[in-house]
C-alpha cells in the first residue's frame, strides 16, 4: 500500500511539472534578459572548467569593460614607448 501511494504521489508530481514550466515565457536567445552560460578555464588547472551563467546584458557589460581595459593598457604602453614625449 505504501509503495502504491509513493507511485501515485510521484506520478502526480511529474504531471504537474510541465504546468510549472509553462508559467515562464520563452525568451529569445538574443534577448538582453535571457540567461546564457559559459564554461571558462580555471587559471592554474589544465582540465578544470567553471560554469558561469549571466544574462546577455551582463555579458555585454563585461565584454565592454574588458575592451576598455585593453585599450587603456595599449594607450599607456604606447605613451611609455615614445622617446620624445
N, C-alpha and C. Protein backbone atom coordinates (compact mmCIF):
# COMPACT_ATOMS: atom_id res chain seq x y z
N UNK A 1 0.81 -1.19 0.00
CA UNK A 1 0.00 0.00 0.00
C UNK A 1 0.86 1.26 0.00
N UNK A 2 1.94 1.22 0.80
CA UNK A 2 2.85 2.37 0.84
C UNK A 2 3.50 2.63 -0.51
N UNK A 3 3.90 1.56 -1.16
CA UNK A 3 4.54 1.70 -2.47
C UNK A 3 3.58 2.29 -3.48
N UNK A 4 2.33 1.89 -3.40
CA UNK A 4 1.33 2.41 -4.31
C UNK A 4 1.11 3.90 -4.10
N UNK A 5 1.07 4.34 -2.84
CA UNK A 5 0.94 5.76 -2.54
C UNK A 5 2.13 6.55 -3.07
N UNK A 6 3.33 5.99 -2.94
CA UNK A 6 4.54 6.67 -3.42
C UNK A 6 4.50 6.81 -4.95
N UNK A 7 4.05 5.76 -5.62
CA UNK A 7 3.98 5.80 -7.08
C UNK A 7 2.95 6.84 -7.53
N UNK A 8 1.81 6.87 -6.87
CA UNK A 8 0.76 7.83 -7.23
C UNK A 8 1.25 9.26 -6.98
N UNK A 9 1.90 9.48 -5.83
CA UNK A 9 2.38 10.82 -5.49
C UNK A 9 3.44 11.28 -6.50
N UNK A 10 4.36 10.40 -6.85
CA UNK A 10 5.41 10.79 -7.80
C UNK A 10 4.84 11.03 -9.19
N UNK A 11 3.82 10.24 -9.58
CA UNK A 11 3.23 10.45 -10.91
C UNK A 11 2.46 11.77 -10.95
N UNK A 12 1.79 12.13 -9.85
CA UNK A 12 1.10 13.42 -9.79
C UNK A 12 2.09 14.57 -9.87
N UNK A 13 3.23 14.41 -9.23
CA UNK A 13 4.27 15.43 -9.27
C UNK A 13 4.79 15.61 -10.69
N UNK A 14 5.00 14.52 -11.39
CA UNK A 14 5.52 14.58 -12.76
C UNK A 14 4.48 15.19 -13.71
N UNK A 15 3.21 14.97 -13.44
CA UNK A 15 2.17 15.57 -14.27
C UNK A 15 2.13 17.07 -14.06
N UNK A 16 2.37 17.53 -12.84
CA UNK A 16 2.31 18.96 -12.52
C UNK A 16 3.53 19.72 -13.02
N UNK A 17 4.65 19.07 -13.25
CA UNK A 17 5.88 19.74 -13.66
C UNK A 17 5.75 20.51 -14.97
N UNK A 18 5.18 19.95 -16.03
CA UNK A 18 5.05 20.76 -17.27
C UNK A 18 4.23 22.01 -17.06
N UNK A 19 3.23 21.95 -16.19
CA UNK A 19 2.40 23.13 -15.93
C UNK A 19 3.23 24.21 -15.26
N UNK A 20 4.17 23.84 -14.38
CA UNK A 20 5.03 24.82 -13.74
C UNK A 20 5.99 25.45 -14.74
N UNK A 21 6.47 24.67 -15.68
CA UNK A 21 7.43 25.17 -16.66
C UNK A 21 6.77 26.13 -17.65
N UNK A 22 5.47 26.00 -17.88
CA UNK A 22 4.79 26.84 -18.85
C UNK A 22 4.55 28.26 -18.33
N UNK A 23 4.71 28.49 -17.03
CA UNK A 23 4.48 29.81 -16.46
C UNK A 23 5.46 30.85 -16.99
N UNK A 24 6.69 30.45 -17.26
CA UNK A 24 7.71 31.37 -17.75
C UNK A 24 7.62 31.49 -19.26
N UNK A 25 7.56 32.70 -19.78
CA UNK A 25 7.58 32.85 -21.25
C UNK A 25 8.98 32.53 -21.78
N UNK A 26 9.03 31.90 -22.91
CA UNK A 26 10.30 31.53 -23.52
C UNK A 26 10.94 32.78 -24.12
N UNK A 27 12.18 33.09 -23.68
CA UNK A 27 12.89 34.27 -24.18
C UNK A 27 13.68 33.92 -25.43
N UNK A 28 13.80 34.90 -26.31
CA UNK A 28 14.64 34.76 -27.49
C UNK A 28 16.09 34.65 -27.03
N UNK A 29 16.90 33.89 -27.73
CA UNK A 29 18.30 33.68 -27.35
C UNK A 29 19.08 34.99 -27.29
N UNK A 30 18.70 35.99 -28.10
CA UNK A 30 19.40 37.28 -28.13
C UNK A 30 18.77 38.34 -27.23
N UNK A 31 17.74 37.97 -26.50
CA UNK A 31 17.09 38.90 -25.58
C UNK A 31 18.08 39.30 -24.47
N UNK A 32 18.13 40.58 -24.09
CA UNK A 32 19.06 41.01 -23.04
C UNK A 32 18.83 40.33 -21.69
N UNK A 33 17.61 39.85 -21.45
CA UNK A 33 17.31 39.20 -20.17
C UNK A 33 17.46 37.68 -20.21
N UNK A 34 17.78 37.14 -21.38
CA UNK A 34 17.98 35.70 -21.49
C UNK A 34 19.29 35.31 -20.82
N UNK A 35 19.27 34.21 -20.10
CA UNK A 35 20.47 33.75 -19.39
C UNK A 35 21.27 32.86 -20.32
N UNK A 36 22.57 33.10 -20.34
CA UNK A 36 23.50 32.32 -21.15
C UNK A 36 24.63 31.85 -20.26
N UNK A 37 24.98 30.59 -20.37
CA UNK A 37 26.05 30.02 -19.55
C UNK A 37 27.28 29.77 -20.41
N UNK A 38 28.44 30.00 -19.82
CA UNK A 38 29.71 29.76 -20.50
C UNK A 38 30.60 28.93 -19.59
N UNK A 39 31.42 28.09 -20.21
CA UNK A 39 32.39 27.30 -19.46
C UNK A 39 33.76 27.95 -19.66
N UNK A 40 34.34 28.45 -18.57
CA UNK A 40 35.60 29.17 -18.63
C UNK A 40 36.70 28.35 -17.97
N UNK A 41 37.90 28.43 -18.55
CA UNK A 41 39.05 27.73 -17.99
C UNK A 41 39.40 28.31 -16.62
N UNK A 42 39.81 27.43 -15.71
CA UNK A 42 40.25 27.86 -14.39
C UNK A 42 41.76 28.05 -14.45
N UNK A 43 42.23 29.23 -14.06
CA UNK A 43 43.66 29.53 -14.10
C UNK A 43 44.41 28.59 -13.16
N UNK A 44 45.49 28.00 -13.67
CA UNK A 44 46.31 27.10 -12.88
C UNK A 44 45.92 25.64 -13.03
N UNK A 45 44.89 25.36 -13.78
CA UNK A 45 44.46 23.99 -13.99
C UNK A 45 44.47 23.68 -15.48
N UNK A 46 44.86 22.47 -15.81
CA UNK A 46 44.88 22.08 -17.21
C UNK A 46 43.52 21.60 -17.70
N UNK A 47 42.71 21.06 -16.80
CA UNK A 47 41.45 20.46 -17.23
C UNK A 47 40.21 21.05 -16.58
N UNK A 48 40.34 21.72 -15.49
CA UNK A 48 39.18 22.21 -14.75
C UNK A 48 38.53 23.40 -15.45
N UNK A 49 37.21 23.39 -15.51
CA UNK A 49 36.44 24.47 -16.10
C UNK A 49 35.40 24.92 -15.08
N UNK A 50 35.00 26.18 -15.19
CA UNK A 50 33.99 26.72 -14.31
C UNK A 50 32.81 27.20 -15.16
N UNK A 51 31.61 26.84 -14.75
CA UNK A 51 30.41 27.24 -15.48
C UNK A 51 29.85 28.50 -14.84
N UNK A 52 29.72 29.56 -15.65
CA UNK A 52 29.20 30.84 -15.16
C UNK A 52 28.00 31.22 -16.00
N UNK A 53 26.89 31.52 -15.33
CA UNK A 53 25.65 31.90 -16.01
C UNK A 53 25.32 33.35 -15.69
N UNK A 54 25.07 34.12 -16.73
CA UNK A 54 24.69 35.53 -16.59
C UNK A 54 23.73 35.87 -17.72
N UNK A 55 23.07 37.01 -17.60
CA UNK A 55 22.19 37.46 -18.68
C UNK A 55 23.03 38.01 -19.82
N UNK A 56 22.42 38.11 -21.00
CA UNK A 56 23.14 38.67 -22.15
C UNK A 56 23.59 40.10 -21.87
N UNK A 57 22.78 40.86 -21.16
CA UNK A 57 23.14 42.25 -20.83
C UNK A 57 24.38 42.27 -19.93
N UNK A 58 24.46 41.37 -18.97
CA UNK A 58 25.63 41.31 -18.08
C UNK A 58 26.88 40.90 -18.85
N UNK A 59 26.74 39.92 -19.77
CA UNK A 59 27.89 39.51 -20.57
C UNK A 59 28.37 40.68 -21.45
N UNK A 60 27.44 41.48 -21.99
CA UNK A 60 27.81 42.62 -22.82
C UNK A 60 28.57 43.67 -22.01
N UNK A 61 28.12 43.95 -20.78
CA UNK A 61 28.80 44.92 -19.92
C UNK A 61 30.22 44.43 -19.60
N UNK A 62 30.37 43.15 -19.31
CA UNK A 62 31.69 42.59 -19.01
C UNK A 62 32.61 42.72 -20.22
N UNK A 63 32.08 42.41 -21.41
CA UNK A 63 32.89 42.49 -22.63
C UNK A 63 33.32 43.93 -22.92
N UNK A 64 32.40 44.87 -22.73
CA UNK A 64 32.75 46.27 -22.97
C UNK A 64 33.81 46.75 -21.98
N UNK A 65 33.72 46.34 -20.73
CA UNK A 65 34.72 46.72 -19.73
C UNK A 65 36.08 46.13 -20.07
N UNK A 66 36.11 44.88 -20.52
CA UNK A 66 37.37 44.26 -20.90
C UNK A 66 37.99 44.97 -22.10
N UNK A 67 37.16 45.39 -23.05
CA UNK A 67 37.68 46.14 -24.21
C UNK A 67 38.26 47.49 -23.78
N UNK A 68 37.59 48.18 -22.84
CA UNK A 68 38.11 49.46 -22.34
C UNK A 68 39.44 49.24 -21.62
N UNK A 69 39.52 48.19 -20.82
CA UNK A 69 40.77 47.90 -20.10
C UNK A 69 41.91 47.61 -21.07
N UNK A 70 41.63 46.85 -22.13
CA UNK A 70 42.66 46.55 -23.13
C UNK A 70 43.10 47.81 -23.85
N UNK A 71 42.15 48.70 -24.21
CA UNK A 71 42.51 49.96 -24.87
C UNK A 71 43.36 50.84 -23.96
N UNK A 72 43.00 50.90 -22.67
CA UNK A 72 43.80 51.68 -21.71
C UNK A 72 45.21 51.14 -21.60
N UNK A 73 45.35 49.82 -21.55
CA UNK A 73 46.66 49.20 -21.45
C UNK A 73 47.52 49.53 -22.66
N UNK A 74 46.92 49.45 -23.85
CA UNK A 74 47.66 49.76 -25.08
C UNK A 74 48.05 51.23 -25.10
N UNK A 75 47.14 52.10 -24.72
CA UNK A 75 47.41 53.54 -24.72
C UNK A 75 48.54 53.88 -23.76
N UNK A 76 48.50 53.29 -22.56
CA UNK A 76 49.56 53.57 -21.58
C UNK A 76 50.90 53.00 -22.02
N UNK A 77 50.91 51.85 -22.68
CA UNK A 77 52.18 51.27 -23.11
C UNK A 77 52.77 52.08 -24.27
N UNK A 78 51.93 52.63 -25.13
CA UNK A 78 52.41 53.47 -26.23
C UNK A 78 52.98 54.79 -25.69
N UNK A 79 52.37 55.33 -24.67
CA UNK A 79 52.84 56.58 -24.10
C UNK A 79 54.23 56.40 -23.48
N UNK A 80 54.50 55.25 -22.92
CA UNK A 80 55.82 54.99 -22.33
C UNK A 80 56.89 54.72 -23.36
N UNK A 81 56.50 54.34 -24.57
CA UNK A 81 57.48 53.99 -25.60
C UNK A 81 57.90 55.20 -26.43
N UNK A 82 57.21 56.29 -26.34
CA UNK A 82 57.51 57.47 -27.14
C UNK A 82 58.71 58.20 -26.51
N UNK A 83 59.87 58.22 -27.17
CA UNK A 83 61.04 58.85 -26.58
C UNK A 83 60.95 60.37 -26.52
N UNK A 84 60.13 60.98 -27.34
CA UNK A 84 60.07 62.44 -27.33
C UNK A 84 58.97 62.98 -26.43
N UNK A 85 58.15 62.14 -25.84
CA UNK A 85 57.06 62.71 -25.09
C UNK A 85 56.71 61.96 -23.92
